Protein backbone atom coordinates (compact mmCIF):
# COMPACT_ATOMS: atom_id res chain seq x y z
CA UNK A 1 -79.39 71.03 133.33
CA UNK A 2 -83.09 70.63 132.34
CA UNK A 3 -84.24 68.65 129.30
CA UNK A 4 -84.92 72.02 127.54
CA UNK A 5 -81.42 73.24 128.28
CA UNK A 6 -79.94 69.90 127.27
CA UNK A 7 -81.91 69.99 123.99
CA UNK A 8 -81.06 73.61 122.99
CA UNK A 9 -77.61 73.64 124.45
CA UNK A 10 -76.84 71.64 121.32
CA UNK A 11 -78.84 73.89 119.07
CA UNK A 12 -80.98 72.78 116.16
CA UNK A 13 -77.96 71.78 113.96
CA UNK A 14 -75.77 68.73 114.36
CA UNK A 15 -72.51 70.56 114.82
CA UNK A 16 -71.50 71.10 118.51
CA UNK A 17 -72.95 74.29 120.09
CA UNK A 18 -72.09 75.98 123.41
CA UNK A 19 -73.74 74.44 126.52
CA UNK A 20 -75.47 77.54 127.94
CA UNK A 21 -78.62 77.72 130.05
CA UNK A 22 -81.38 80.17 129.27
CA UNK A 23 -84.53 81.22 131.01
CA UNK A 24 -86.28 80.32 134.23
CA UNK A 25 -86.28 76.74 135.46
CA UNK A 26 -89.64 74.94 135.45
CA UNK A 27 -90.51 71.73 137.12
CA UNK A 28 -93.59 71.28 134.83
CA UNK A 29 -92.05 68.80 132.37
CA UNK A 30 -91.91 65.74 134.64
CA UNK A 31 -92.08 62.31 133.08
CA UNK A 32 -94.75 59.64 133.74
CA UNK A 33 -92.55 57.72 136.23
CA UNK A 34 -92.22 60.81 138.43
CA UNK A 35 -95.91 61.13 138.68
CA UNK A 36 -96.08 57.46 139.50
CA UNK A 37 -93.60 58.11 142.38
CA UNK A 38 -95.87 60.90 143.71
CA UNK A 39 -98.83 58.63 143.77
CA UNK A 40 -96.73 55.92 145.55
CA UNK A 41 -95.52 58.46 148.07
CA UNK A 42 -99.10 59.45 149.05
CA UNK A 43 -100.13 55.81 149.25
CA UNK A 44 -97.21 54.75 151.43
CA UNK A 45 -97.76 57.80 153.70
CA UNK A 46 -101.33 56.72 154.25
CA UNK A 47 -100.02 53.33 155.20
CA UNK A 48 -97.65 54.86 157.74
CA UNK A 49 -94.63 53.76 155.82
CA UNK A 50 -93.14 57.19 156.19
CA UNK A 51 -89.50 56.68 155.02
CA UNK A 52 -90.53 54.66 152.02
CA UNK A 53 -93.02 57.50 151.25
CA UNK A 54 -90.17 60.08 151.41
CA UNK A 55 -87.92 58.13 149.10
CA UNK A 56 -90.71 58.11 146.46
CA UNK A 57 -91.23 61.84 147.15
CA UNK A 58 -87.56 62.56 146.46
CA UNK A 59 -87.74 60.45 143.24
CA UNK A 60 -90.69 62.66 142.20
CA UNK A 61 -88.60 65.82 142.82
CA UNK A 62 -85.42 64.66 141.16
CA UNK A 63 -84.55 66.04 137.72
CA UNK A 64 -81.83 63.81 136.32
CA UNK A 65 -80.57 66.62 134.01
CA UNK A 66 -80.28 69.08 136.87
CA UNK A 67 -78.97 66.54 139.36
CA UNK A 68 -80.94 68.59 141.89
CA UNK A 69 -81.97 66.18 144.59
CA UNK A 70 -79.57 63.69 146.33
CA UNK A 71 -80.36 61.31 149.15
CA UNK A 72 -78.97 58.42 151.05
CA UNK A 73 -80.78 55.99 153.38
CA UNK A 74 -78.67 54.64 156.24
CA UNK A 75 -79.46 53.36 159.76
CA UNK A 76 -83.13 54.15 159.61
CA UNK A 77 -82.53 57.76 158.42
CA UNK A 78 -82.60 59.51 155.12
CA UNK A 79 -80.08 62.25 154.59
CA UNK A 80 -80.81 64.52 151.62
CA UNK A 81 -79.77 67.61 149.72
CA UNK A 82 -82.05 69.78 147.62
CA UNK A 83 -80.64 72.44 145.32
CA UNK A 84 -82.34 75.71 144.25
CA UNK A 85 -80.34 78.26 142.44
CA UNK A 86 -77.49 79.47 144.53
CA UNK A 87 -78.60 77.61 147.69
CA UNK A 88 -78.42 74.09 148.96
CA UNK A 89 -80.94 72.74 151.57
CA UNK A 90 -79.85 69.80 153.69
CA UNK A 91 -82.13 67.64 155.74
CA UNK A 92 -82.75 64.50 157.63
CA UNK A 93 -85.79 62.35 157.95
CA UNK A 94 -86.22 59.39 160.41
CA UNK A 95 -89.17 57.54 161.90
CA UNK A 96 -90.13 60.56 164.07
CA UNK A 97 -89.17 63.84 162.56
CA UNK A 98 -88.14 65.74 159.37
CA UNK A 99 -85.70 68.72 159.69
CA UNK A 100 -84.39 70.85 156.80
CA UNK A 101 -82.09 73.88 156.74
CA UNK A 102 -80.48 76.22 154.20
CA UNK A 103 -77.70 78.58 155.07
CA UNK A 104 -78.29 82.06 153.59
CA UNK A 105 -75.31 84.11 154.72
CA UNK A 106 -72.69 84.38 157.46
CA UNK A 107 -72.36 87.33 159.88
CA UNK A 108 -69.99 88.22 162.73
CA UNK A 109 -72.15 91.05 163.97
CA UNK A 110 -75.90 91.52 164.50
CA UNK A 111 -77.18 94.41 162.48
CA UNK A 112 -80.62 95.87 163.13
CA UNK A 113 -81.17 96.35 159.36
CA UNK A 114 -80.94 92.77 158.21
CA UNK A 115 -82.40 91.41 161.54
CA UNK A 116 -85.52 93.53 160.98
CA UNK A 117 -85.75 92.42 157.34
CA UNK A 118 -85.63 88.77 158.41
CA UNK A 119 -88.18 89.29 161.25
CA UNK A 120 -90.61 90.94 158.76
CA UNK A 121 -90.04 88.02 156.37
CA UNK A 122 -90.94 85.53 159.11
CA UNK A 123 -94.48 86.95 159.24
CA UNK A 124 -94.98 86.15 155.65
CA UNK A 125 -93.73 82.60 155.81
CA UNK A 126 -96.25 79.63 156.28
CA UNK A 127 -93.94 76.69 156.97
CA UNK A 128 -90.50 77.97 157.57
CA UNK A 129 -88.60 80.56 159.62
CA UNK A 130 -85.41 82.44 159.60
CA UNK A 131 -82.90 81.98 162.40
CA UNK A 132 -79.29 82.29 163.34
CA UNK A 133 -77.35 79.18 164.19
CA UNK A 134 -74.49 78.66 166.64
CA UNK A 135 -71.95 79.47 163.90
CA UNK A 136 -73.47 82.92 163.20
CA UNK A 137 -75.02 81.69 159.94
CA UNK A 138 -78.39 83.18 158.88
CA UNK A 139 -80.49 80.16 158.09
CA UNK A 140 -83.95 79.27 157.13
CA UNK A 141 -85.37 76.16 158.80
CA UNK A 142 -88.33 73.85 158.69
CA UNK A 143 -89.14 70.81 160.88
CA UNK A 144 -92.21 68.57 161.38
CA UNK A 145 -93.15 65.34 163.01
CA UNK A 146 -93.69 62.71 160.34
CA UNK A 147 -97.27 62.13 161.47
CA UNK A 148 -97.85 65.62 160.20
CA UNK A 149 -95.34 65.57 157.42
CA UNK A 150 -97.28 64.43 154.39
CA UNK A 151 -95.69 64.70 150.90
CA UNK A 152 -97.90 67.69 150.25
CA UNK A 153 -96.63 69.56 153.26
CA UNK A 154 -92.96 68.65 152.45
CA UNK A 155 -93.36 69.86 148.90
CA UNK A 156 -94.67 73.29 149.87
CA UNK A 157 -92.35 73.69 152.85
CA UNK A 158 -89.34 72.77 150.71
CA UNK A 159 -90.41 75.10 147.90
CA UNK A 160 -90.91 78.03 150.46
CA UNK A 161 -87.54 77.31 152.10
CA UNK A 162 -85.35 76.88 149.04
CA UNK A 163 -86.86 79.70 146.91
CA UNK A 164 -86.64 82.22 149.75
CA UNK A 165 -83.03 81.23 150.53
CA UNK A 166 -82.15 81.47 146.90
CA UNK A 167 -83.74 84.90 146.43
CA UNK A 168 -82.36 86.44 149.49
CA UNK A 169 -78.71 85.52 149.76
CA UNK A 170 -77.27 87.77 147.07
CA UNK A 171 -79.68 90.63 147.80
CA UNK A 172 -78.82 90.68 151.54
CA UNK A 173 -75.05 90.37 150.84
CA UNK A 174 -75.22 93.14 148.33
CA UNK A 175 -77.09 95.48 150.73
CA UNK A 176 -75.51 94.62 154.05
CA UNK A 177 -71.58 94.58 153.62
CA UNK A 178 -71.04 92.82 156.94
CA UNK A 179 -72.61 89.59 155.57
CA UNK A 180 -70.54 87.01 153.84
CA UNK A 181 -71.52 84.21 151.40
CA UNK A 182 -71.88 80.77 152.87
CA UNK A 183 -72.34 77.22 151.54
CA UNK A 184 -71.66 78.10 147.89
CA UNK A 185 -69.12 75.37 147.03
CA UNK A 186 -71.53 73.84 144.57
CA UNK A 187 -71.76 76.98 142.45
CA UNK A 188 -69.75 76.88 139.15
CA UNK A 189 -68.61 80.20 137.75
CA UNK A 190 -69.25 80.62 133.99
CA UNK A 191 -66.19 81.46 131.78
CA UNK A 192 -65.09 85.08 131.72
CA UNK A 193 -65.64 85.47 127.93
CA UNK A 194 -69.26 84.41 128.36
CA UNK A 195 -69.65 86.95 131.22
CA UNK A 196 -68.21 89.67 129.01
CA UNK A 197 -70.70 88.83 126.24
CA UNK A 198 -73.66 88.92 128.61
CA UNK A 199 -72.48 92.15 130.25
CA UNK A 200 -71.88 93.88 126.90
CA UNK A 201 -75.28 92.75 125.71
CA UNK A 202 -77.26 93.94 128.66
CA UNK A 203 -75.53 97.32 128.83
CA UNK A 204 -75.88 97.90 125.06
CA UNK A 205 -79.55 96.74 125.05
CA UNK A 206 -80.46 99.03 127.96
CA UNK A 207 -78.63 102.06 126.43
CA UNK A 208 -80.34 101.41 123.07
CA UNK A 209 -83.77 101.43 124.71
CA UNK A 210 -83.08 104.53 126.63
CA UNK A 211 -81.89 106.35 123.51
CA UNK A 212 -85.02 105.27 121.67
CA UNK A 213 -87.15 106.83 124.41
CA UNK A 214 -85.22 110.02 124.21
CA UNK A 215 -85.51 110.34 120.39
CA UNK A 216 -89.06 111.60 120.72
CA UNK A 217 -90.27 109.48 117.69
CA UNK A 218 -93.14 109.09 118.31
CA UNK A 219 -93.79 111.59 121.08
CA UNK A 220 -93.17 109.85 124.41
CA UNK A 221 -95.98 111.74 126.20
CA UNK A 222 -98.55 110.96 123.46
CA UNK A 223 -97.61 107.19 123.19
CA UNK A 224 -96.48 106.04 126.64
CA UNK A 225 -97.96 102.56 125.97
CA UNK A 226 -95.59 102.07 123.08
CA UNK A 227 -92.58 102.88 125.13
CA UNK A 228 -93.91 100.64 127.93
CA UNK A 229 -93.66 97.75 125.40
CA UNK A 230 -89.98 98.69 124.69
CA UNK A 231 -89.15 98.69 128.47
CA UNK A 232 -90.93 95.48 129.31
CA UNK A 233 -89.63 93.60 126.23
CA UNK A 234 -86.17 94.70 127.27
CA UNK A 235 -86.60 93.53 130.89
CA UNK A 236 -88.03 90.13 129.93
CA UNK A 237 -85.44 89.35 127.30
CA UNK A 238 -82.62 90.32 129.63
CA UNK A 239 -84.08 87.91 132.19
CA UNK A 240 -84.31 85.05 129.73
CA UNK A 241 -81.13 85.57 127.70
CA UNK A 242 -78.68 86.39 130.48
CA UNK A 243 -80.34 84.35 133.23
CA UNK A 244 -79.30 86.81 136.05
CA UNK A 245 -79.03 86.14 139.78
CA UNK A 246 -79.12 88.41 142.77
CA UNK A 247 -79.37 92.20 142.38
CA UNK A 248 -80.14 92.18 138.62
CA UNK A 249 -82.80 89.47 138.96
CA UNK A 250 -84.50 91.44 141.73
CA UNK A 251 -84.31 94.64 139.64
CA UNK A 252 -86.03 92.95 136.70
CA UNK A 253 -88.73 91.42 138.92
CA UNK A 254 -89.20 94.85 140.53
CA UNK A 255 -89.75 96.42 137.04
CA UNK A 256 -92.47 93.84 136.35
CA UNK A 257 -94.14 94.62 139.74
CA UNK A 258 -93.92 98.37 139.11
CA UNK A 259 -95.72 98.11 135.84
CA UNK A 260 -98.50 95.72 136.79
CA UNK A 261 -99.22 96.94 140.30
CA UNK A 262 -102.44 98.92 140.66
CA UNK A 263 -101.18 102.01 142.54
CA UNK A 264 -102.85 104.93 140.81
CA UNK A 265 -99.87 105.81 138.67
CA UNK A 266 -100.43 106.04 134.87
CA UNK A 267 -98.22 104.43 132.20
CA UNK A 268 -96.05 107.50 131.66
CA UNK A 269 -95.28 107.72 135.38
CA UNK A 270 -94.44 104.01 135.49
CA UNK A 271 -92.12 104.40 132.57
CA UNK A 272 -90.14 107.03 134.48
CA UNK A 273 -89.74 104.63 137.42
CA UNK A 274 -88.64 101.74 135.13
CA UNK A 275 -86.14 103.97 133.41
CA UNK A 276 -84.58 104.77 136.71
CA UNK A 277 -84.35 101.04 137.59
CA UNK A 278 -82.60 100.33 134.26
CA UNK A 279 -80.18 103.22 134.73
CA UNK A 280 -79.22 101.67 138.08
CA UNK A 281 -78.26 98.53 136.23
CA UNK A 282 -75.92 100.25 133.72
CA UNK A 283 -74.35 102.32 136.52
CA UNK A 284 -73.48 99.24 138.42
CA UNK A 285 -69.73 98.17 138.29
CA UNK A 286 -69.04 95.25 135.89
CA UNK A 287 -67.43 93.34 138.76
CA UNK A 288 -70.79 93.25 140.65
CA UNK A 289 -72.47 91.69 137.69
CA UNK A 290 -69.65 89.24 137.31
CA UNK A 291 -69.98 88.04 140.88
CA UNK A 292 -73.61 87.05 140.24
CA UNK A 293 -72.98 85.11 137.06
CA UNK A 294 -72.64 81.45 137.81
CA UNK A 295 -74.23 78.06 137.01
CA UNK A 296 -76.99 76.78 139.25
CA UNK A 297 -79.35 73.78 139.43
CA UNK A 298 -82.95 74.07 140.60
CA UNK A 299 -85.76 71.89 141.92
CA UNK A 300 -88.81 74.24 141.94
CA UNK A 301 -90.09 76.43 139.21
CA UNK A 302 -91.35 79.89 140.15
CA UNK A 303 -93.48 80.31 137.02
CA UNK A 304 -97.17 79.31 136.75
CA UNK A 305 -97.96 76.23 134.62
CA UNK A 306 -100.35 77.22 131.72
CA UNK A 307 -101.78 75.54 128.67
CA UNK A 308 -101.50 76.58 125.05
CA UNK A 309 -104.88 78.33 125.22
CA UNK A 310 -103.42 80.83 127.66
CA UNK A 311 -100.67 81.53 125.16
CA UNK A 312 -103.23 81.94 122.36
CA UNK A 313 -105.20 84.35 124.43
CA UNK A 314 -102.20 86.43 125.28
CA UNK A 315 -101.13 86.58 121.54
CA UNK A 316 -104.71 87.53 120.50
CA UNK A 317 -104.82 90.26 123.15
CA UNK A 318 -101.54 91.99 122.29
CA UNK A 319 -100.23 91.24 118.78
CA UNK A 320 -102.56 93.59 116.88
CA UNK A 321 -101.21 96.47 118.87
CA UNK A 322 -98.09 96.44 116.69
CA UNK A 323 -99.94 97.20 113.44
CA UNK A 324 -100.29 101.00 113.79
CA UNK A 325 -96.61 101.40 114.77
CA UNK A 326 -95.48 99.09 111.93
CA UNK A 327 -97.58 100.91 109.34
CA UNK A 328 -96.21 104.36 110.50
CA UNK A 329 -92.58 103.40 110.45
CA UNK A 330 -91.99 103.15 114.21
CA UNK A 331 -90.26 99.77 113.94
CA UNK A 332 -88.44 100.02 117.24
CA UNK A 333 -91.94 99.84 119.04
CA UNK A 334 -93.60 97.50 116.55
CA UNK A 335 -90.83 94.86 117.03
CA UNK A 336 -91.00 95.23 120.80
CA UNK A 337 -94.62 94.04 120.95
CA UNK A 338 -94.06 90.41 119.78
CA UNK A 339 -90.98 90.46 121.88
CA UNK A 340 -93.01 91.53 124.82
CA UNK A 341 -95.51 88.66 124.26
CA UNK A 342 -92.71 86.05 124.11
CA UNK A 343 -90.87 87.56 127.11
CA UNK A 344 -93.91 87.88 129.25
CA UNK A 345 -94.84 84.26 128.62
CA UNK A 346 -91.34 83.09 129.47
CA UNK A 347 -91.02 85.31 132.51
CA UNK A 348 -94.37 84.43 134.14
CA UNK A 349 -95.53 81.10 132.78
CA UNK A 350 -94.32 77.54 132.45
CA UNK A 351 -95.79 77.14 128.95
CA UNK A 352 -96.11 73.75 127.11
CA UNK A 353 -92.75 72.52 126.04
CA UNK A 354 -93.37 73.07 122.29
CA UNK A 355 -94.24 76.72 122.98
CA UNK A 356 -91.07 77.11 125.04
CA UNK A 357 -88.89 75.58 122.44
CA UNK A 358 -90.41 77.81 119.72
CA UNK A 359 -90.05 80.89 121.82
CA UNK A 360 -86.42 79.98 122.33
CA UNK A 361 -86.00 79.75 118.63
CA UNK A 362 -87.68 83.17 118.26
CA UNK A 363 -84.94 84.63 120.43
CA UNK A 364 -82.28 82.75 118.43
CA UNK A 365 -83.49 84.47 115.35
CA UNK A 366 -84.24 87.96 116.70
CA UNK A 367 -81.16 88.18 118.86
CA UNK A 368 -78.92 86.37 116.32
CA UNK A 369 -75.87 88.57 116.96
CA UNK A 370 -76.05 87.83 120.72
CA UNK A 371 -76.05 84.05 120.10
CA UNK A 372 -73.21 84.44 117.62
CA UNK A 373 -71.16 86.35 120.23
CA UNK A 374 -71.86 83.48 122.68
CA UNK A 375 -70.22 81.07 120.21
CA UNK A 376 -73.32 79.61 118.39
CA UNK A 377 -73.10 78.94 114.63
CA UNK A 378 -76.79 78.81 114.02
CA UNK A 379 -76.94 81.90 111.71
CA UNK A 380 -80.74 82.06 111.36
CA UNK A 381 -80.53 85.81 110.59
CA UNK A 382 -77.71 88.05 109.11
CA UNK A 383 -78.29 91.44 110.78
CA UNK A 384 -75.82 93.17 108.42
CA UNK A 385 -77.41 91.89 105.19
CA UNK A 386 -80.84 91.63 106.80
CA UNK A 387 -81.35 88.15 105.28
CA UNK A 388 -83.01 85.14 106.93
CA UNK A 389 -81.78 81.60 106.45
CA UNK A 390 -85.15 80.29 105.60
CA UNK A 391 -84.16 76.63 105.30
CA UNK A 392 -82.40 76.64 108.62
CA UNK A 393 -85.44 78.16 110.36
CA UNK A 394 -87.86 75.70 108.89
CA UNK A 395 -85.50 72.83 109.72
CA UNK A 396 -85.41 74.02 113.35
CA UNK A 397 -89.16 74.07 113.53
CA UNK A 398 -89.30 70.51 112.08
CA UNK A 399 -86.79 69.42 114.72
CA UNK A 400 -89.10 70.91 117.42
CA UNK A 401 -92.04 69.03 116.01
CA UNK A 402 -90.03 65.80 116.02
CA UNK A 403 -88.85 66.34 119.57
CA UNK A 404 -92.43 66.63 120.85
CA UNK A 405 -94.30 64.20 118.49
CA UNK A 406 -94.83 61.58 121.27
CA UNK A 407 -96.88 63.97 123.49
CA UNK A 408 -98.11 66.41 120.83
CA UNK A 409 -98.81 64.25 117.74
CA UNK A 410 -101.27 66.90 116.33
CA UNK A 411 -98.65 69.63 116.31
CA UNK A 412 -98.29 70.73 112.71
CA UNK A 413 -96.91 74.36 112.39
CA UNK A 414 -98.05 76.09 109.24
CA UNK A 415 -94.59 77.34 108.06
CA UNK A 416 -96.26 78.93 105.09
CA UNK A 417 -97.51 81.69 107.39
CA UNK A 418 -93.84 82.85 107.95
CA UNK A 419 -92.92 86.16 106.27
CA UNK A 420 -89.24 86.75 105.56
CA UNK A 421 -89.30 90.31 104.09
CA UNK A 422 -88.53 92.23 107.31
CA UNK A 423 -87.73 91.30 110.88
CA UNK A 424 -90.88 92.95 112.12
CA UNK A 425 -93.12 91.07 109.71
CA UNK A 426 -91.29 87.84 110.59
CA UNK A 427 -91.86 88.34 114.25
CA UNK A 428 -95.56 88.85 113.80
CA UNK A 429 -95.94 85.90 111.40
CA UNK A 430 -93.97 83.61 113.67
CA UNK A 431 -96.38 84.26 116.58
CA UNK A 432 -99.39 83.78 114.26
CA UNK A 433 -97.89 80.41 113.48
CA UNK A 434 -97.53 79.61 117.19
CA UNK A 435 -101.02 80.74 117.83
CA UNK A 436 -102.52 78.27 115.33
CA UNK A 437 -100.76 75.19 116.76
CA UNK A 438 -102.81 72.32 117.98
CA UNK A 439 -101.14 71.24 121.26
CA UNK A 440 -103.71 68.69 122.23
CA UNK A 441 -101.81 65.97 124.14
CA UNK A 442 -101.76 62.46 122.77
CA UNK A 443 -103.97 60.21 124.84
């Protein structure tokens, strides 16, 4: 569990809260001692002290909350395990060579479909390769002589190996029924009640969005951009709040690619494709979703690190688009636009920690019923009475400031900007507050 998940698993109040993970893992929040280990690893490698260099390298990678990297030095060799999502990479380093392998799936028969898929994948890999071992396991492998195995090379090779293994296992098994899961003993299934809440939330949210599009208010052909905000906000918040694996994760990533790929299709046409992808999700049996709901630990983030200025620029570029919809009573589109901003940032970026914690609070407020159904007792917003708990929200913001005061001593959110009259106005005012933050790091 990352520091962020540790922090917000307990919520912003003192009473115990469910320990549930949200969002995509990022490795951008390393502490100073880890960066020191990276520098030592490079220095030791230059001095040809290779095993000592690798020990510092693993220290750099290790996230204590995730318990994601484990190693043991014995007899002039280092045996190690690196976890990424649903997959575990195992490896060995000695004075001559480094070898790493992750098992993806098991097969008893060779099928031209998945064999071709893996062959095509091999052409896009820079450091690793897919193979089949003597026990009929599909694996992804990397090896190098230590003379050519710098910490830089190991980092990118390990990232390529583990993220590809993690991404492909559920997708291949779902598509090719002759394949079986392998090496998944480290996975922990989440409780059935939590699975039920997540499944009910995602199906309800998708159906609600599709109904909004079919309502014709405003006209879907005249305002395709507004409905695109609804679809993208939905996709990003499902990714963050339900933390999917396998088929659903790939579907949400495909929706993102469909919309942002330059392929000559206009927004209305892309909306049609996205709706089809979402309908595939709600047509899928519940049992298939449940199989892909489990706890994982990760080593590499797949989101791009950005600074607060990037967040400011994105808010500036998008937030004003909600005004016309808000003024004309199209609240379902207006509220989707700040949600899109938050979701896009969390889906694509590793934002500074204060931004991430504030965006999580945004979801806790805007999706209060979902958090309540998960067992949280935060009650920032009563959806039936349409009333905010202003004191609790401001207290949560103060807690975030306190949690980050060592690195961001100039962080001073202007809580007076917050508007509590409607959910839509609150969402806009919350992002304006985030936009005005000074997240200059303390020297």
